[in-house]
Protein backbone atom coordinates (compact mmCIF):
# COMPACT_ATOMS: atom_id res chain seq x y z
CA UNK A 1 0.00 0.00 0.00
CA UNK A 2 1.32 3.44 -0.93
CA UNK A 3 2.04 5.82 1.89
CA UNK A 4 1.24 9.51 1.78
CA UNK A 5 4.23 11.67 0.85
CA UNK A 6 4.28 15.38 1.51
CA UNK A 7 6.24 17.95 -0.53
CA UNK A 8 9.33 17.65 1.69
CA UNK A 9 9.30 13.84 1.39
CA UNK A 10 9.11 14.12 -2.41
CA UNK A 11 11.96 16.65 -2.48
CA UNK A 12 14.08 14.50 -0.14
CA UNK A 13 13.41 11.29 -2.08
CA UNK A 14 14.18 13.02 -5.37
CA UNK A 15 17.50 14.24 -3.96
CA UNK A 16 18.35 10.76 -2.65
CA UNK A 17 17.53 9.17 -6.01
CA UNK A 18 19.85 11.65 -7.76
CA UNK A 19 22.73 11.07 -5.33
CA UNK A 20 22.26 8.87 -2.27
CA UNK A 21 25.85 9.57 -1.22
CA UNK A 22 25.07 13.16 -0.20
CA UNK A 23 25.84 14.02 3.42
CA UNK A 24 22.83 14.52 5.69
CA UNK A 25 23.77 18.18 6.19
CA UNK A 26 23.54 18.80 2.43
CA UNK A 27 20.21 16.96 2.23
CA UNK A 28 18.91 19.07 5.12
CA UNK A 29 19.92 22.26 3.32
CA UNK A 30 18.24 21.08 0.10
CA UNK A 31 14.89 20.33 1.77
CA UNK A 32 14.97 23.20 4.27
CA UNK A 33 15.00 21.14 7.48
CA UNK A 34 17.45 20.71 10.31
CA UNK A 35 19.88 17.80 9.98
CA UNK A 36 18.11 15.99 12.85
CA UNK A 37 14.66 16.42 11.25
CA UNK A 38 16.06 15.27 7.90
CA UNK A 39 17.59 12.18 9.49
CA UNK A 40 14.23 11.39 11.15
CA UNK A 41 12.46 11.75 7.78
CA UNK A 42 14.91 9.39 6.11
CA UNK A 43 14.54 6.89 8.95
CA UNK A 44 10.73 7.06 8.63
CA UNK A 45 10.93 6.57 4.85
CA UNK A 46 13.17 3.53 5.35
CA UNK A 47 10.92 2.03 8.03
CA UNK A 48 7.84 2.56 5.84
CA UNK A 49 9.50 0.68 2.99
CA UNK A 50 9.55 3.59 0.53
CA UNK A 51 13.36 3.52 0.71
CA UNK A 52 14.26 -0.16 0.48
CA UNK A 53 18.01 0.18 0.28
CA UNK A 54 20.73 2.69 -0.41
CA UNK A 55 23.49 1.18 -2.53
CA UNK A 56 26.15 2.00 -5.12
CA UNK A 57 25.16 1.42 -8.75
CA UNK A 58 28.01 -0.22 -10.65
CA UNK A 59 28.70 -0.26 -14.38
CA UNK A 60 28.64 -3.94 -15.30
CA UNK A 61 30.79 -3.59 -18.42
CA UNK A 62 33.48 -1.59 -16.66
CA UNK A 63 33.42 -4.12 -13.80
CA UNK A 64 34.28 -6.89 -16.28
CA UNK A 65 30.86 -8.31 -17.14
CA UNK A 66 30.92 -7.86 -20.91
CA UNK A 67 27.69 -9.79 -21.45
CA UNK A 68 24.39 -8.39 -20.25
CA UNK A 69 21.46 -10.61 -21.19
CA UNK A 70 17.72 -10.63 -20.68
CA UNK A 71 16.34 -14.13 -20.28
CA UNK A 72 12.66 -14.88 -20.82
CA UNK A 73 11.76 -18.01 -18.88
CA UNK A 74 8.88 -20.42 -19.29
CA UNK A 75 8.57 -23.04 -16.56
CA UNK A 76 7.81 -26.67 -17.35
CA UNK A 77 5.34 -26.89 -14.46
CA UNK A 78 3.31 -24.22 -12.72
CA UNK A 79 2.44 -25.72 -9.37
CA UNK A 80 3.62 -24.14 -6.11
CA UNK A 81 6.62 -26.46 -5.58
CA UNK A 82 7.95 -25.74 -9.08
CA UNK A 83 7.70 -22.00 -8.50
CA UNK A 84 9.41 -22.28 -5.11
CA UNK A 85 12.25 -24.31 -6.63
CA UNK A 86 12.64 -21.81 -9.48
CA UNK A 87 12.69 -18.81 -7.10
CA UNK A 88 15.32 -20.54 -4.94
CA UNK A 89 17.57 -21.24 -7.93
CA UNK A 90 17.21 -17.65 -9.18
CA UNK A 91 18.22 -16.28 -5.75
CA UNK A 92 21.21 -18.64 -5.57
CA UNK A 93 22.77 -17.68 -8.93
CA UNK A 94 24.75 -14.46 -8.37
CA UNK A 95 24.89 -13.66 -12.09
CA UNK A 96 21.13 -13.02 -12.04
CA UNK A 97 21.02 -9.40 -10.92
CA UNK A 98 17.28 -8.83 -11.33
CA UNK A 99 14.26 -11.09 -11.77
CA UNK A 100 10.56 -10.52 -12.14
CA UNK A 101 7.57 -12.83 -12.43
CA UNK A 102 5.41 -11.66 -15.31
CA UNK A 103 2.17 -12.45 -17.11
CA UNK A 104 1.87 -13.27 -20.78
CA UNK A 105 3.72 -15.76 -22.94
CA UNK A 106 6.56 -16.22 -20.43
CA UNK A 107 6.66 -16.71 -16.66
CA UNK A 108 9.69 -14.63 -15.69
CA UNK A 109 12.14 -12.08 -17.04
CA UNK A 110 15.70 -12.16 -15.71
CA UNK A 111 18.60 -9.78 -16.12
CA UNK A 112 21.90 -11.66 -16.17
CA UNK A 113 25.51 -10.51 -16.34
CA UNK A 114 28.42 -12.71 -17.35
CA UNK A 115 32.11 -12.24 -18.02
CA UNK A 116 32.00 -14.66 -20.96
CA UNK A 117 29.87 -17.25 -22.74
CA UNK A 118 30.95 -19.96 -20.27
CA UNK A 119 29.45 -18.05 -17.35
CA UNK A 120 26.27 -17.46 -19.33
CA UNK A 121 26.08 -21.17 -20.11
CA UNK A 122 26.41 -21.92 -16.37
CA UNK A 123 23.36 -19.72 -15.69
CA UNK A 124 21.31 -21.20 -18.53
CA UNK A 125 22.16 -24.73 -17.46
CA UNK A 126 21.19 -24.04 -13.85
CA UNK A 127 17.86 -22.56 -14.88
CA UNK A 128 17.08 -25.57 -17.07
CA UNK A 129 18.26 -28.39 -14.83
CA UNK A 130 17.76 -27.15 -11.27
CA UNK A 131 15.23 -24.37 -11.94
CA UNK A 132 12.75 -26.34 -13.98
CA UNK A 133 12.68 -24.02 -16.99
CA UNK A 134 11.35 -25.65 -20.15
CA UNK A 135 12.08 -22.71 -22.44
CA UNK A 136 14.71 -19.98 -22.24
CA UNK A 137 14.87 -17.09 -24.66
CA UNK A 138 18.06 -15.05 -24.37
CA UNK A 139 18.23 -11.47 -25.56
CA UNK A 140 21.72 -9.92 -25.70
CA UNK A 141 21.76 -6.31 -24.55
CA UNK A 142 23.59 -4.29 -27.20
CA UNK A 143 23.48 -0.80 -25.69
CA UNK A 144 21.80 1.11 -22.91
CA UNK A 145 19.03 3.27 -24.33
CA UNK A 146 17.98 4.82 -21.03
CA UNK A 147 19.60 4.16 -17.68
CA UNK A 148 17.54 3.08 -14.72
CA UNK A 149 15.75 6.26 -13.77
CA UNK A 150 14.42 7.77 -10.57
CA UNK A 151 10.73 7.39 -9.82
CA UNK A 152 8.82 10.43 -11.16
CA UNK A 153 7.59 11.42 -7.70
CA UNK A 154 6.80 15.03 -8.58
CA UNK A 155 5.26 14.22 -11.98
CA UNK A 156 1.82 15.58 -12.75
CA UNK A 157 -0.97 13.02 -12.71
CA UNK A 158 -3.13 12.77 -15.82
């Protein structure tokens, strides 16, 4: 369930999305609160779940992962145990950096990074043998069209 965000929350969250490494004093100055009040706001936003995690965003190619692949997965079986096994395998494979269950012609979409084809084959094999996937469609990412973007918190509703 969405929580109510006031103007200061939106301004603070926007600033954090732009640069989460900013010192609290700078954030306080940006939103017009004292450092203590700003810290309390951030703590409340974390506790509410709006801010799930603050982390560094790495460039996969520069970090040595020359292959970035989207994998569309169709499971062989759709009962609860099959889904649980698949979710466990996805969480265990570190090369899978994002995964979503979806509706439509496929059951899941994964984002995978690999240093080479051998690492990619390791992921594909694990998904097929241990994960219960019956069909894997791999899409090689050629170039970033738009980087992961901040949520449009202050956008006008239509």
